[in-house]
Protein backbone atom coordinates (compact mmCIF):
# COMPACT_ATOMS: atom_id res chain seq x y z
CA MET A 1 0.00 0.00 0.00
CA THR A 2 1.30 3.45 -0.89
CA LYS A 3 1.83 5.77 2.03
CA THR A 4 0.37 9.26 2.11
CA PRO A 5 2.76 12.22 2.51
CA ASP A 6 1.71 12.52 6.17
CA GLN A 7 2.34 8.81 6.80
CA ARG A 8 5.76 9.14 5.17
CA ARG A 9 6.54 12.17 7.34
CA VAL A 10 5.64 10.32 10.55
CA SER A 11 7.92 7.46 9.42
CA GLU A 12 10.73 9.93 8.70
CA ILE A 13 10.38 11.49 12.15
CA ALA A 14 10.36 8.03 13.77
CA ARG A 15 13.49 7.08 11.82
CA SER A 16 15.28 10.28 12.81
CA LEU A 17 14.39 9.56 16.44
CA ASN A 18 15.57 5.95 16.25
CA ARG A 19 18.84 6.99 14.60
CA TYR A 20 19.37 9.74 17.21
CA GLU A 21 19.28 12.37 14.46
CA TRP A 22 16.51 14.02 16.45
CA ALA A 23 17.19 14.11 20.17
CA PRO A 24 14.22 15.93 21.73
CA VAL A 25 15.25 18.80 24.00
CA ALA A 26 13.58 19.31 27.38
CA ALA A 27 10.96 21.70 25.99
CA GLU A 28 9.98 19.16 23.30
CA VAL A 29 9.68 16.38 25.89
CA ALA A 30 7.54 18.68 28.06
CA CYS A 31 5.35 19.51 25.05
CA GLY A 32 4.86 15.82 24.24
CA ALA A 33 4.05 15.01 27.88
CA ALA A 34 1.51 17.85 27.97
CA PHE A 35 0.00 16.55 24.71
CA PHE A 36 -0.59 13.13 26.28
CA GLN A 37 -1.93 14.70 29.46
CA LEU A 38 -4.49 16.65 27.41
CA LEU A 39 -5.51 13.56 25.41
CA ARG A 40 -5.75 11.34 28.49
CA GLY A 41 -7.71 13.94 30.43
CA LEU A 42 -10.38 14.13 27.75
CA GLU A 43 -10.41 10.37 27.17
CA GLU A 44 -10.86 9.60 30.87
CA THR A 45 -13.53 12.23 31.52
CA GLU A 46 -16.77 10.63 32.64
CA ARG A 47 -19.57 11.24 30.16
CA PRO A 48 -22.75 9.90 31.75
CA LYS A 49 -24.72 9.92 28.50
CA PHE A 50 -22.35 7.29 27.07
CA PRO A 51 -22.36 3.81 28.61
CA ARG A 52 -18.97 2.18 29.00
CA GLU A 53 -17.91 -1.46 29.31
CA ARG A 54 -15.78 -1.72 32.44
CA GLY A 55 -15.45 -5.49 32.73
CA VAL A 56 -12.30 -5.96 30.65
CA GLY A 57 -9.51 -5.91 33.22
CA ARG A 58 -8.00 -2.47 33.47
CA TRP A 59 -9.33 -1.44 30.05
CA THR A 60 -12.54 0.46 29.63
CA MET A 61 -14.29 -0.06 26.32
CA ARG A 62 -15.93 3.05 24.92
CA LEU A 63 -18.46 3.39 22.16
CA HIS A 64 -17.24 4.50 18.73
CA THR A 65 -19.59 7.46 19.09
CA GLU A 66 -17.88 8.65 22.26
CA ASN A 67 -14.44 8.16 20.68
CA VAL A 68 -15.38 10.35 17.71
CA LEU A 69 -16.73 13.14 19.92
CA VAL A 70 -13.71 12.99 22.25
CA LEU A 71 -11.40 13.26 19.24
CA GLU A 72 -13.32 16.32 18.09
CA GLU A 73 -12.78 17.91 21.54
CA GLN A 74 -9.08 17.05 21.42
CA VAL A 75 -8.62 18.62 17.99
CA VAL A 76 -10.35 21.85 19.02
CA LEU A 77 -8.19 22.20 22.15
CA LEU A 78 -5.01 21.30 20.29
CA GLN A 79 -5.66 23.87 17.56
CA GLU A 80 -7.06 26.70 19.63
CA GLU A 81 -5.13 26.47 22.90
CA PHE A 82 -2.35 23.90 22.98
CA LEU A 83 -0.37 24.53 19.79
CA PRO A 84 -0.42 28.35 20.01
CA VAL A 85 1.16 28.15 23.49
CA TRP A 86 3.69 25.41 22.76
CA ARG A 87 4.94 26.79 19.43
CA SER A 88 6.56 29.64 21.36
CA ARG A 89 8.17 27.24 23.87
CA VAL A 90 9.84 24.71 21.58
CA PRO A 91 12.53 25.30 18.94
CA SER A 92 11.29 26.54 15.59
CA GLY A 93 10.61 23.67 13.20
CA SER A 94 10.38 21.15 16.05
CA PRO A 95 9.38 17.63 15.02
CA MET A 96 7.31 17.53 18.23
CA THR A 97 4.93 20.29 17.16
CA GLU A 98 4.97 18.82 13.66
CA LEU A 99 3.78 15.50 15.09
CA ILE A 100 0.94 17.27 16.87
CA ASP A 101 0.05 19.11 13.66
CA LEU A 102 0.02 15.73 11.90
CA TYR A 103 -2.27 14.37 14.63
CA VAL A 104 -4.70 17.26 14.12
CA ARG A 105 -4.62 16.86 10.33
CA GLY A 106 -4.90 13.08 10.55
CA ALA A 107 -7.99 13.40 12.74
CA GLN A 108 -9.94 15.30 10.07
CA PRO A 109 -11.41 12.22 8.31
CA VAL A 110 -13.01 11.30 11.66
CA VAL A 111 -13.85 14.78 12.96
CA GLN A 112 -15.69 15.73 9.76
CA HIS A 113 -18.36 13.19 10.77
CA ALA A 114 -18.67 14.35 14.40
CA SER A 115 -21.84 16.43 13.91
CA ALA A 116 -23.65 13.60 12.13
CA VAL A 117 -22.45 11.07 14.70
CA ARG A 118 -23.65 13.31 17.55
CA ALA A 119 -27.03 13.85 15.87
CA ALA A 120 -27.51 10.10 15.30
CA TRP A 121 -26.69 9.36 18.95
CA GLU A 122 -28.98 12.08 20.27
CA GLY A 123 -31.77 10.88 17.98
CA ALA A 124 -31.43 7.23 18.94
CA THR A 125 -34.00 5.67 21.22
CA LEU A 126 -32.21 2.87 23.04
CA PRO A 127 -34.22 0.66 25.40
CA GLU A 128 -33.30 0.31 29.04
CA PRO A 129 -32.14 -3.17 30.11
CA ALA A 130 -34.98 -5.45 31.20
CA SER A 131 -35.03 -6.25 34.91
CA ASP A 132 -34.91 -10.01 34.11
CA ASP A 133 -31.74 -9.44 32.08
CA ILE A 134 -30.16 -7.49 34.95
CA VAL A 135 -30.99 -10.28 37.42
CA ARG A 136 -29.54 -12.88 35.04
CA GLN A 137 -26.36 -10.79 34.52
CA VAL A 138 -25.93 -10.42 38.31
CA ARG A 139 -26.37 -14.17 38.79
CA TYR A 140 -23.84 -15.15 36.11
CA SER A 141 -21.27 -12.41 36.55
CA GLY A 142 -21.36 -11.77 40.28
CA ALA A 143 -21.53 -8.05 39.55
CA SER A 144 -23.77 -5.65 41.43
CA ALA A 145 -27.13 -4.73 39.93
CA ASP A 146 -25.76 -1.29 38.96
CA GLU A 147 -22.70 -2.83 37.28
CA ALA A 148 -24.87 -5.38 35.48
CA ALA A 149 -27.25 -2.66 34.24
CA ALA A 150 -24.28 -0.57 33.05
CA ARG A 151 -22.88 -3.55 31.15
CA LEU A 152 -26.24 -4.24 29.52
CA ARG A 153 -26.65 -0.55 28.54
CA TYR A 154 -23.25 -0.71 26.87
CA ASP A 155 -24.22 -3.92 25.03
CA ILE A 156 -27.47 -2.33 23.79
CA ALA A 157 -25.61 0.76 22.56
CA ALA A 158 -22.86 -1.36 20.96
CA ARG A 159 -25.51 -3.33 19.04
CA TRP A 160 -27.01 -0.02 17.85
CA GLU A 161 -23.55 1.08 16.70
CA ASN A 162 -23.13 -2.20 14.86
CA GLU A 163 -26.09 -1.60 12.55
CA PRO A 164 -24.96 -1.59 8.88
CA ASP A 165 -24.96 2.16 8.18
CA ARG A 166 -22.95 2.96 11.30
CA ARG A 167 -20.69 -0.08 10.93
CA SER A 168 -19.66 1.10 7.47
CA LEU A 169 -18.87 4.56 8.86
CA TRP A 170 -16.62 3.10 11.57
CA ALA A 171 -14.87 0.98 8.93
CA ALA A 172 -14.27 4.07 6.77
CA MET A 173 -12.70 5.80 9.77
CA GLU A 174 -10.33 2.93 10.56
CA PRO A 175 -7.36 4.16 8.45
CA ALA A 176 -7.47 7.53 10.22
CA TRP A 177 -7.52 5.88 13.66
CA ASN A 178 -4.54 3.72 12.63
CA PHE A 179 -2.65 6.80 11.50
CA LEU A 180 -3.38 8.57 14.79
CA GLY A 181 -2.07 5.52 16.64
CA GLY A 182 1.18 5.78 14.68
CA VAL A 183 1.53 9.47 15.52
CA ARG A 184 0.89 8.75 19.19
CA SER A 185 3.46 5.93 19.21
CA THR A 186 6.14 8.12 17.66
CA THR A 187 5.33 10.97 20.04
CA MET A 188 5.47 8.62 23.03
CA ALA A 189 8.86 7.31 21.92
CA ALA A 190 10.11 10.91 21.75
CA VAL A 191 8.77 11.66 25.24
CA SER A 192 9.96 8.44 26.88
CA GLY A 193 13.25 8.06 25.03
CA ASP A 194 12.26 4.46 24.35
CA VAL A 195 13.58 4.17 20.82
CA GLU A 196 14.66 1.20 18.71
CA TYR A 197 18.33 0.45 18.29
């Protein structure tokens, strides 16, 4: 598969990091750490209108809908607040701010659908879990009634998200999510110093 110019640029930055051609200075490391703090803060924020699946070890499964809307929030904050502040703190032409720019640009294929995704979610009428289903879930899982109801709400919403029209939208977004994962990995390597030899 042919890489896009942005994918090639992320690979070039990763290579320069792995070859020690780019050794991030303290301000760049601080910028990258602040970037992850911003992302994590928004990702971990409780959003009561979105059910979450909490029964997977330390991982919390979120709905695709929530992920899209969180990404939209991240992009707005990165563009309007984060990058304007950090551009003055890091060296001119820093690969760190370039990575964050690439993250913002790479998010656009997802973010462009945020309004429609939000409208579909707000227009959905999802049933509440049946009391018999909650009792059964409690019996088989050992969870509390509240935990069982939360799990069932997530399952109902996940089935709604898996309907054909939405499933095709999530599939179309997959390349953008993969790209964002690559940007995050490269940025994390720059922050942690954990590079390949």
